[in-house]
Amino acid sequence: MLPLPPFEGQSVFLQVEQCLNARHKDAGCHRCADACPTQAITLHPQNERSPHGPLLPRLNVEACVHCGLCLHTCPTDVFSQADPPEVKLAQTISNLPDAPLALVCSQHPDPATTAAPVAVVVRHQRCLAALSLSQLIDLSHNGRRDLWLDDTPCAACPIGHVQPLIVQTAAGTNRLLQAFGHPSVIHTPLGQPDLLTAETGPKPLFEGNQPKLSRRGLFSVLGKASRLMEPSSDPSSPPTTSGPVPVSQRLPHHLPTSRQRLCQQLAHLGEPIDEPLEITELPFATVKLDANACSACRLCARFCPTEALHFVADAESFGISFKAAICLDCGICAVACPEDAISFGLQLPATTLVANKADWLVVGNLTPCAGCGEPMALGDNEAGTQPLCYSCRQSGGPMQPLKDVAGLMIDLLKKTL
C-alpha cells in the first residue's frame, strides 16, 4: 500500500476556544481525534502543568493529508479551511443536468469506469468521507438527483478505514430526505451492489475542481466563497476588560456555521412529514428533563453552546425551553447538570428541524434555598418548605449567597468546571 499524498486544499486551522472540552472540562468530546485517519489530531491538556484540565485538540500539520473529515466531524467548527474544494465541486455538479452521477475520490485508479447506473462521473479532489450531510443534500439537488459515492477503492486506500463514515453519512442524508418526503438518492456501490448494472463501462469524467462557469456563474461562486471565508462573528475570543467578565463572554452562545448551513438546506426540502424521525447517528438530539429533579440551577442552559436550551425566570417562577433544530447532540447539558435530571430520546418529530420555535421542557415555581437564599426550584417539595440547593448540599451546610457581577454561581461552577 503506497503512502497517501496530501489531498487538494489549503491548510486546516483550529479555533480551540470553540471546543466543547474548553467549555466544560468534563465534556469528554474526542470526535475529531477518533475520525482523523492519519492520527494528525491528538488531544492534550490545555495546561501541561495541570493534567486534570480540559483536553484540547492539536494538529500535526506534517501528518495532516487535508482529507477534510475533521471539518464536519466537529460539531462546533473548531476546524476550518479557506476555499475548501467542496465549493468548486458543488458548482461543477450544479452545471450538469439532473441525471444520476457518480462521485469518485482523487485516489481512484480508474475513475471513469463504473457499474453504477449513472450518466457521468465527477472526480472530487479529496476523500468522499469529507462530504457532510448538508453538502450531500445540496449535491443531490435537494433529493432530485441520484448520487453514487464510489467506495470501491477504499479497501486499497491507506485511509480506507474511513469507508464506514461514507456509508453512515449517506444513510443519514437519506433519512433526512425521507423525513421531508423525498426518496433515498444517496448510494454506495459496496452497500447496494444489487442496484449496479451488469456491465462495467466508461462514463464521461468531469473534474470537480474545474467548473465551467459563465460570467454570471463566476460571480456566484466568488460570492459563495467569500461568505465561506468571512470571519466568524463568534464573540468567544478572550475578553479584554480588566474587571469581572460578563457571563455572555465566559460562556458565549454561538450557532456554528455548519449547523446554520444544515438548517438552511433542510428548509429547502419543503414540508417535513409529520412522523417521528430516528436520530441515531444524526447530529440532533431530543432532550428530556425530569421536572421533579430539576433545581433550576440553569447550568444546562449556560453550558449549552448554541442556546438550544434556554432558561428564563422571574421572582417567582422559571422555565427551560428546548429548540431541537440547533441542538448539536454534544451532551454537555447532561454533564453540567448536578441533579442528573437530563436524559435523551431516540426520536424527534421531523417538524422540529425546521420550526423556528422552542418547546417547554419544564415550568415551575421558585423558592429561596434554605442555606444560601438563592432561588431554586420548589419541585415536589410542599409550599412553605425551604429545600437546599445542590451547592449547599454538597458543601455540607449553608453557603454564602452566590452574588457576583458576572452572574455566575461561582461556588457551583468550581465543582463542575
Protein backbone atom coordinates (compact mmCIF):
# COMPACT_ATOMS: atom_id res chain seq x y z
CA MET A 1 0.00 0.00 0.00
CA LEU A 2 1.53 3.29 -1.13
CA PRO A 3 1.73 6.36 1.15
CA LEU A 4 -1.15 8.77 0.66
CA PRO A 5 -0.13 12.15 -0.80
CA PRO A 6 -1.93 15.23 0.58
CA PHE A 7 -5.30 15.95 -0.96
CA GLU A 8 -6.09 19.27 -2.58
CA GLY A 9 -6.83 22.19 -0.30
CA GLN A 10 -5.22 24.76 1.92
CA SER A 11 -4.04 24.10 5.44
CA VAL A 12 -6.56 23.42 8.17
CA PHE A 13 -6.53 25.79 11.11
CA LEU A 14 -8.03 25.48 14.57
CA GLN A 15 -10.08 27.66 16.89
CA VAL A 16 -9.64 25.64 20.07
CA GLU A 17 -11.65 28.10 22.14
CA GLN A 18 -14.75 26.73 20.38
CA CYS A 19 -14.01 23.15 21.51
CA LEU A 20 -16.60 21.57 23.79
CA ASN A 21 -13.79 20.49 26.10
CA ALA A 22 -12.80 24.13 26.53
CA ARG A 23 -16.37 24.94 27.50
CA HIS A 24 -16.53 22.22 30.16
CA LYS A 25 -13.55 20.15 31.18
CA ASP A 26 -15.68 17.02 31.54
CA ALA A 27 -17.38 17.33 28.14
CA GLY A 28 -15.30 14.36 27.02
CA CYS A 29 -15.52 15.07 23.29
CA HIS A 30 -12.93 13.27 21.14
CA ARG A 31 -14.76 13.02 17.82
CA CYS A 32 -12.02 14.81 15.86
CA ALA A 33 -9.24 12.57 17.15
CA ASP A 34 -11.32 9.45 16.55
CA ALA A 35 -12.18 10.47 12.99
CA CYS A 36 -8.72 11.59 11.85
CA PRO A 37 -7.43 8.74 9.64
CA THR A 38 -3.75 9.69 9.98
CA GLN A 39 -3.79 10.46 13.72
CA ALA A 40 -2.77 14.02 12.91
CA ILE A 41 -5.23 15.25 15.57
CA THR A 42 -4.45 14.46 19.19
CA LEU A 43 -5.84 15.75 22.48
CA HIS A 44 -3.62 17.38 25.08
CA PRO A 45 -4.23 19.17 28.41
CA GLN A 46 -4.83 22.87 27.99
CA ASN A 47 -2.19 23.43 30.64
CA GLU A 48 0.58 20.83 30.63
CA ARG A 49 1.24 21.61 34.29
CA SER A 50 -2.37 20.70 35.11
CA PRO A 51 -3.10 17.31 33.52
CA HIS A 52 -6.59 17.29 35.01
CA GLY A 53 -7.67 20.29 32.94
CA PRO A 54 -9.60 20.16 29.66
CA LEU A 55 -8.15 18.18 26.76
CA LEU A 56 -7.94 20.32 23.63
CA PRO A 57 -7.08 19.27 20.05
CA ARG A 58 -3.73 19.79 18.38
CA LEU A 59 -2.98 19.30 14.69
CA ASN A 60 0.24 17.79 13.40
CA VAL A 61 0.45 19.62 10.09
CA GLU A 62 3.06 17.20 8.75
CA ALA A 63 0.76 14.22 9.33
CA CYS A 64 -2.35 16.00 8.01
CA VAL A 65 -3.31 14.99 4.45
CA HIS A 66 -6.17 17.54 4.11
CA CYS A 67 -8.76 14.76 3.82
CA GLY A 68 -11.43 17.09 5.27
CA LEU A 69 -13.04 14.72 7.77
CA CYS A 70 -12.46 16.99 10.75
CA LEU A 71 -14.28 19.88 9.07
CA HIS A 72 -17.70 18.32 9.55
CA THR A 73 -16.95 15.83 12.31
CA CYS A 74 -16.51 18.59 14.89
CA PRO A 75 -19.95 19.86 15.99
CA THR A 76 -18.64 23.32 16.98
CA ASP A 77 -16.48 24.06 13.90
CA VAL A 78 -13.13 24.03 15.67
CA PHE A 79 -11.53 23.09 12.32
CA SER A 80 -11.85 25.25 9.23
CA GLN A 81 -10.23 25.69 5.85
CA ALA A 82 -10.14 28.59 3.43
CA ASP A 83 -11.58 27.87 -0.01
CA PRO A 84 -12.47 24.19 0.58
CA PRO A 85 -12.64 22.01 -2.58
CA GLU A 86 -16.33 21.30 -1.93
CA VAL A 87 -17.21 24.81 -3.15
CA LYS A 88 -15.95 24.11 -6.68
CA LEU A 89 -17.38 20.59 -6.55
CA ALA A 90 -20.85 21.97 -5.88
CA GLN A 91 -20.52 24.44 -8.74
CA THR A 92 -19.31 21.74 -11.14
CA ILE A 93 -22.27 19.50 -10.33
CA SER A 94 -24.80 22.35 -10.43
CA ASN A 95 -23.81 22.95 -14.09
CA LEU A 96 -24.62 19.35 -15.02
CA PRO A 97 -28.09 18.00 -15.91
CA ASP A 98 -30.11 16.44 -13.09
CA ALA A 99 -29.20 12.94 -14.30
CA PRO A 100 -27.69 10.39 -11.88
CA LEU A 101 -23.96 10.80 -11.35
CA ALA A 102 -21.13 9.10 -9.52
CA LEU A 103 -18.62 10.80 -7.26
CA VAL A 104 -15.11 9.37 -7.04
CA CYS A 105 -12.15 10.49 -4.95
CA SER A 106 -8.86 11.74 -6.33
CA GLN A 107 -7.17 8.42 -5.50
CA HIS A 108 -9.48 6.29 -7.67
CA PRO A 109 -7.28 4.25 -10.06
CA ASP A 110 -9.87 4.13 -12.87
CA PRO A 111 -12.34 6.94 -12.17
CA ALA A 112 -14.29 6.93 -15.43
CA THR A 113 -15.16 3.23 -15.25
CA THR A 114 -18.18 2.34 -13.13
CA ALA A 115 -21.01 -0.14 -12.85
CA ALA A 116 -23.27 2.42 -11.21
CA PRO A 117 -26.36 3.41 -13.24
CA VAL A 118 -25.17 6.96 -13.89
CA ALA A 119 -24.73 9.31 -16.82
CA VAL A 120 -21.47 10.94 -15.75
CA VAL A 121 -18.67 10.67 -13.19
CA VAL A 122 -17.28 13.62 -11.21
CA ARG A 123 -13.90 13.37 -9.51
CA HIS A 124 -13.63 15.13 -6.15
CA GLN A 125 -10.21 16.33 -5.12
CA ARG A 126 -10.19 14.57 -1.76
CA CYS A 127 -11.76 11.79 0.30
CA LEU A 128 -15.52 11.32 -0.10
CA ALA A 129 -15.79 10.97 3.69
CA ALA A 130 -15.22 14.74 3.82
CA LEU A 131 -18.74 15.36 2.48
CA SER A 132 -21.24 16.42 5.14
CA LEU A 133 -24.99 15.91 5.38
CA SER A 134 -25.76 19.41 4.10
CA GLN A 135 -23.31 19.04 1.20
CA LEU A 136 -24.82 15.73 0.08
CA ILE A 137 -28.31 17.22 0.20
CA ASP A 138 -27.06 20.12 -1.93
CA LEU A 139 -25.19 17.89 -4.40
CA SER A 140 -28.30 15.73 -4.84
CA HIS A 141 -30.20 18.89 -5.77
CA ASN A 142 -32.38 18.55 -2.67
CA GLY A 143 -33.16 14.90 -3.36
CA ARG A 144 -33.89 15.24 -7.08
CA ARG A 145 -30.66 13.63 -8.32
CA ASP A 146 -29.34 10.13 -7.60
CA LEU A 147 -25.79 10.36 -6.28
CA TRP A 148 -23.40 7.41 -6.10
CA LEU A 149 -20.43 7.70 -3.72
CA ASP A 150 -17.91 5.26 -5.17
CA ASP A 151 -16.38 3.46 -2.19
CA THR A 152 -14.98 0.51 -4.18
CA PRO A 153 -11.32 1.71 -4.00
CA CYS A 154 -11.43 2.20 -0.21
CA ALA A 155 -10.06 -1.27 0.55
CA ALA A 156 -6.76 -0.41 -1.16
CA CYS A 157 -6.51 3.14 0.19
CA PRO A 158 -4.19 3.98 3.12
CA ILE A 159 -7.11 5.72 4.84
CA GLY A 160 -9.74 3.31 3.56
CA HIS A 161 -10.86 2.51 7.11
CA VAL A 162 -12.99 5.67 6.95
CA GLN A 163 -15.30 3.96 4.44
CA PRO A 164 -17.95 3.30 7.15
CA LEU A 165 -18.18 7.07 7.62
CA ILE A 166 -19.10 7.44 3.95
CA VAL A 167 -21.85 4.86 4.40
CA GLN A 168 -23.02 6.49 7.64
CA THR A 169 -23.28 9.96 6.12
CA ALA A 170 -25.09 8.57 3.07
CA ALA A 171 -27.59 6.76 5.30
CA GLY A 172 -28.12 9.85 7.44
CA THR A 173 -28.71 12.01 4.38
CA ASN A 174 -31.29 9.54 3.06
CA ARG A 175 -33.06 9.51 6.42
CA LEU A 176 -33.33 13.30 6.37
CA LEU A 177 -34.57 13.29 2.77
CA GLN A 178 -37.22 10.70 3.65
CA ALA A 179 -38.33 12.81 6.60
CA PHE A 180 -39.23 15.52 4.09
CA GLY A 181 -40.99 13.19 1.67
CA HIS A 182 -38.09 12.67 -0.74
CA PRO A 183 -36.75 9.27 -1.89
CA SER A 184 -33.38 7.89 -0.88
CA VAL A 185 -30.98 9.09 -3.57
CA ILE A 186 -27.54 8.67 -1.97
CA HIS A 187 -25.99 5.28 -2.78
CA THR A 188 -22.72 3.40 -2.31
CA PRO A 189 -21.65 0.52 -4.58
CA LEU A 190 -20.43 -1.65 -1.69
CA GLY A 191 -23.62 -1.07 0.26
CA GLN A 192 -26.06 -1.53 -2.62
CA PRO A 193 -24.50 -3.94 -5.14
CA ASP A 194 -27.95 -5.08 -6.27
CA LEU A 195 -28.54 -1.68 -7.85
CA LEU A 196 -25.41 -1.82 -10.02
CA THR A 197 -25.59 -2.59 -13.72
CA ALA A 198 -24.47 -5.93 -15.10
CA GLU A 199 -21.71 -4.39 -17.17
CA THR A 200 -18.94 -2.01 -16.15
CA GLY A 201 -18.17 0.68 -18.68
CA PRO A 202 -16.59 4.10 -19.11
CA LYS A 203 -18.60 7.26 -18.48
CA PRO A 204 -17.82 10.91 -19.21
CA LEU A 205 -15.49 12.19 -16.49
CA PHE A 206 -15.63 15.71 -15.09
CA GLU A 207 -13.08 17.21 -12.71
CA GLY A 208 -14.75 18.56 -9.61
CA ASN A 209 -12.31 21.44 -9.30
CA GLN A 210 -12.85 22.72 -12.84
CA PRO A 211 -16.39 24.06 -13.09
CA LYS A 212 -17.39 25.52 -16.45
CA LEU A 213 -18.62 28.93 -15.48
CA SER A 214 -20.47 31.61 -17.27
CA ARG A 215 -19.78 35.19 -16.22
CA ARG A 216 -22.86 35.09 -14.01
CA GLY A 217 -21.81 31.75 -12.57
CA LEU A 218 -18.34 33.06 -11.80
CA PHE A 219 -19.71 35.89 -9.68
CA SER A 220 -22.00 33.41 -7.91
CA VAL A 221 -19.05 31.21 -6.98
CA LEU A 222 -16.96 34.15 -5.83
CA GLY A 223 -19.81 35.37 -3.66
CA LYS A 224 -20.31 31.96 -2.11
CA ALA A 225 -16.59 31.53 -1.48
CA SER A 226 -16.35 34.95 0.16
CA ARG A 227 -19.20 34.08 2.50
CA LEU A 228 -17.47 30.85 3.47
CA MET A 229 -14.27 32.75 4.20
CA GLU A 230 -15.87 35.52 6.22
CA PRO A 231 -14.51 35.73 9.77
CA SER A 232 -16.85 34.31 12.35
CA SER A 233 -18.85 36.75 14.42
CA ASP A 234 -18.40 34.42 17.37
CA PRO A 235 -17.77 36.58 20.47
CA SER A 236 -15.85 33.77 22.16
CA SER A 237 -12.45 35.47 21.96
CA PRO A 238 -10.95 36.23 25.37
CA PRO A 239 -12.38 39.41 26.88
CA THR A 240 -10.16 42.45 27.08
CA THR A 241 -11.83 44.06 30.07
CA SER A 242 -9.91 44.22 33.32
CA GLY A 243 -13.00 43.90 35.52
CA PRO A 244 -15.35 40.97 36.13
CA VAL A 245 -16.11 39.03 32.94
CA PRO A 246 -19.78 39.00 31.91
CA VAL A 247 -21.39 35.58 31.61
CA SER A 248 -22.02 36.16 27.89
CA GLN A 249 -18.26 36.23 27.33
CA ARG A 250 -17.31 33.49 29.76
CA LEU A 251 -19.84 31.05 28.28
CA PRO A 252 -20.91 32.58 24.94
CA HIS A 253 -23.67 31.06 22.85
CA HIS A 254 -22.94 30.65 19.15
CA LEU A 255 -24.53 28.62 16.35
CA PRO A 256 -21.72 27.07 14.26
CA THR A 257 -21.69 27.92 10.57
CA SER A 258 -22.01 24.23 9.66
CA ARG A 259 -25.29 23.97 11.59
CA GLN A 260 -26.57 27.18 10.00
CA ARG A 261 -25.94 25.65 6.57
CA LEU A 262 -27.68 22.40 7.52
CA CYS A 263 -30.72 24.29 8.80
CA GLN A 264 -30.84 26.31 5.57
CA GLN A 265 -30.51 23.16 3.47
CA LEU A 266 -33.32 21.43 5.36
CA ALA A 267 -35.53 24.47 4.84
CA HIS A 268 -35.12 23.99 1.07
CA LEU A 269 -36.52 20.45 1.26
CA GLY A 270 -40.09 21.61 1.77
CA GLU A 271 -42.54 20.49 4.42
CA PRO A 272 -41.46 17.57 6.65
CA ILE A 273 -43.63 14.54 7.18
CA ASP A 274 -45.47 14.58 10.49
CA GLU A 275 -43.81 11.40 11.75
CA PRO A 276 -41.07 10.65 14.31
CA LEU A 277 -37.52 10.75 12.95
CA GLU A 278 -34.93 8.23 14.15
CA ILE A 279 -31.95 10.40 15.10
CA THR A 280 -29.34 7.74 15.86
CA GLU A 281 -26.07 8.81 14.15
CA LEU A 282 -27.63 12.13 13.14
CA PRO A 283 -26.30 15.39 14.65
CA PHE A 284 -29.54 16.09 16.51
CA ALA A 285 -30.86 15.23 19.95
CA THR A 286 -34.12 15.34 21.82
CA VAL A 287 -33.58 16.45 25.40
CA LYS A 288 -35.78 15.26 28.25
CA LEU A 289 -35.83 16.99 31.61
CA ASP A 290 -37.09 15.47 34.86
CA ALA A 291 -39.22 18.27 36.31
CA ASN A 292 -39.08 16.81 39.82
CA ALA A 293 -35.28 16.55 39.79
CA CYS A 294 -34.52 19.93 38.16
CA SER A 295 -33.36 22.51 40.72
CA ALA A 296 -33.39 25.50 38.31
CA CYS A 297 -29.64 25.97 38.64
CA ARG A 298 -29.63 26.97 34.94
CA LEU A 299 -26.25 25.29 34.29
CA CYS A 300 -27.64 23.23 31.39
CA ALA A 301 -28.65 26.39 29.55
CA ARG A 302 -25.43 28.25 30.38
CA PHE A 303 -23.16 25.48 29.16
CA CYS A 304 -25.24 24.74 26.03
CA PRO A 305 -23.05 26.11 23.19
CA THR A 306 -25.92 27.13 20.91
CA GLU A 307 -28.63 28.14 23.43
CA ALA A 308 -30.77 25.25 22.25
CA LEU A 309 -31.61 25.09 25.95
CA HIS A 310 -32.87 28.44 27.20
CA PHE A 311 -33.57 29.41 30.82
CA VAL A 312 -35.97 32.19 31.83
CA ALA A 313 -37.09 33.22 35.30
CA ASP A 314 -38.75 35.96 37.29
CA ALA A 315 -39.00 36.39 41.03
CA GLU A 316 -41.43 33.51 41.49
CA SER A 317 -41.17 31.06 38.59
CA PHE A 318 -38.82 29.67 35.95
CA GLY A 319 -38.90 27.77 32.70
CA ILE A 320 -36.47 25.86 30.46
CA SER A 321 -37.21 25.54 26.76
CA PHE A 322 -35.55 23.46 24.02
CA LYS A 323 -35.10 24.08 20.29
CA ALA A 324 -34.18 20.81 18.56
CA ALA A 325 -33.07 22.38 15.26
CA ILE A 326 -30.00 23.99 16.81
CA CYS A 327 -29.06 21.20 19.25
CA LEU A 328 -25.65 19.73 18.35
CA ASP A 329 -26.12 16.46 20.26
CA CYS A 330 -22.98 17.29 22.26
CA GLY A 331 -24.37 16.05 25.60
CA ILE A 332 -22.74 18.86 27.56
CA CYS A 333 -26.04 19.71 29.26
CA ALA A 334 -26.18 16.29 30.90
CA VAL A 335 -22.55 16.63 32.01
CA ALA A 336 -23.21 20.03 33.58
CA CYS A 337 -26.47 19.08 35.31
CA PRO A 338 -25.73 18.46 39.02
CA GLU A 339 -29.08 16.75 39.58
CA ASP A 340 -28.88 14.09 36.82
CA ALA A 341 -32.17 15.48 35.56
CA ILE A 342 -31.34 15.30 31.84
CA SER A 343 -31.76 12.34 29.50
CA PHE A 344 -32.06 11.90 25.74
CA GLY A 345 -34.58 10.28 23.43
CA LEU A 346 -34.04 8.30 20.24
CA GLN A 347 -36.60 10.08 18.08
CA LEU A 348 -37.96 13.57 17.48
CA PRO A 349 -40.69 15.00 15.27
CA ALA A 350 -39.23 15.94 11.90
CA THR A 351 -41.23 19.17 12.04
CA THR A 352 -38.97 20.44 14.86
CA LEU A 353 -35.98 20.53 12.49
CA VAL A 354 -37.43 23.49 10.59
CA ALA A 355 -39.68 25.01 13.25
CA ASN A 356 -38.41 28.35 14.48
CA LYS A 357 -39.80 27.80 17.96
CA ALA A 358 -38.85 26.15 21.21
CA ASP A 359 -40.79 23.68 23.33
CA TRP A 360 -41.03 23.98 27.09
CA LEU A 361 -39.32 21.15 28.94
CA VAL A 362 -40.18 22.31 32.44
CA VAL A 363 -42.02 25.19 34.05
CA GLY A 364 -42.07 25.54 37.82
CA ASN A 365 -42.10 27.72 40.89
CA LEU A 366 -39.06 29.09 42.70
CA THR A 367 -38.30 29.19 46.41
CA PRO A 368 -35.27 30.50 48.32
CA CYS A 369 -32.61 27.94 49.23
CA ALA A 370 -32.63 27.38 52.99
CA GLY A 371 -28.86 27.71 53.01
CA CYS A 372 -27.73 30.49 50.70
CA GLY A 373 -31.02 32.15 49.87
CA GLU A 374 -30.58 31.83 46.13
CA PRO A 375 -33.76 30.98 44.18
CA MET A 376 -34.18 27.31 43.32
CA ALA A 377 -36.96 25.09 42.03
CA LEU A 378 -39.64 24.21 44.54
CA GLY A 379 -40.03 20.87 42.75
CA ASP A 380 -42.17 18.37 44.58
CA ASN A 381 -41.49 20.00 47.96
CA GLU A 382 -44.50 21.36 49.74
CA ALA A 383 -45.16 25.09 49.65
CA GLY A 384 -43.66 26.79 52.68
CA THR A 385 -40.71 24.37 52.93
CA GLN A 386 -37.17 25.52 52.15
CA PRO A 387 -35.03 22.87 50.45
CA LEU A 388 -31.27 23.11 49.99
CA CYS A 389 -29.75 23.76 46.59
CA TYR A 390 -27.12 21.46 45.14
CA SER A 391 -24.22 23.66 46.24
CA CYS A 392 -25.36 23.77 49.86
CA ARG A 393 -26.00 20.03 49.92
CA GLN A 394 -22.55 19.33 48.50
CA SER A 395 -20.82 21.68 50.94
CA GLY A 396 -22.43 20.02 53.95
CA GLY A 397 -24.10 23.22 55.10
CA PRO A 398 -25.30 26.67 54.17
CA MET A 399 -23.12 28.68 51.81
CA GLN A 400 -22.75 32.42 51.44
CA PRO A 401 -25.17 33.99 48.96
CA LEU A 402 -23.86 33.50 45.46
CA LYS A 403 -23.61 37.10 44.30
CA ASP A 404 -21.09 38.11 41.66
CA VAL A 405 -21.02 40.74 38.97
CA ALA A 406 -20.77 38.17 36.18
CA GLY A 407 -23.96 36.48 37.32
CA LEU A 408 -22.34 33.03 37.52
CA MET A 409 -22.74 30.82 40.57
CA ILE A 410 -19.04 30.70 41.33
CA ASP A 411 -19.16 28.12 44.09
CA LEU A 412 -21.22 25.75 41.97
CA LEU A 413 -19.05 26.24 38.91
CA LYS A 414 -15.95 25.39 40.91
CA LYS A 415 -17.47 22.00 41.49
CA THR A 416 -18.37 21.44 37.83
CA LEU A 417 -15.56 23.10 35.87
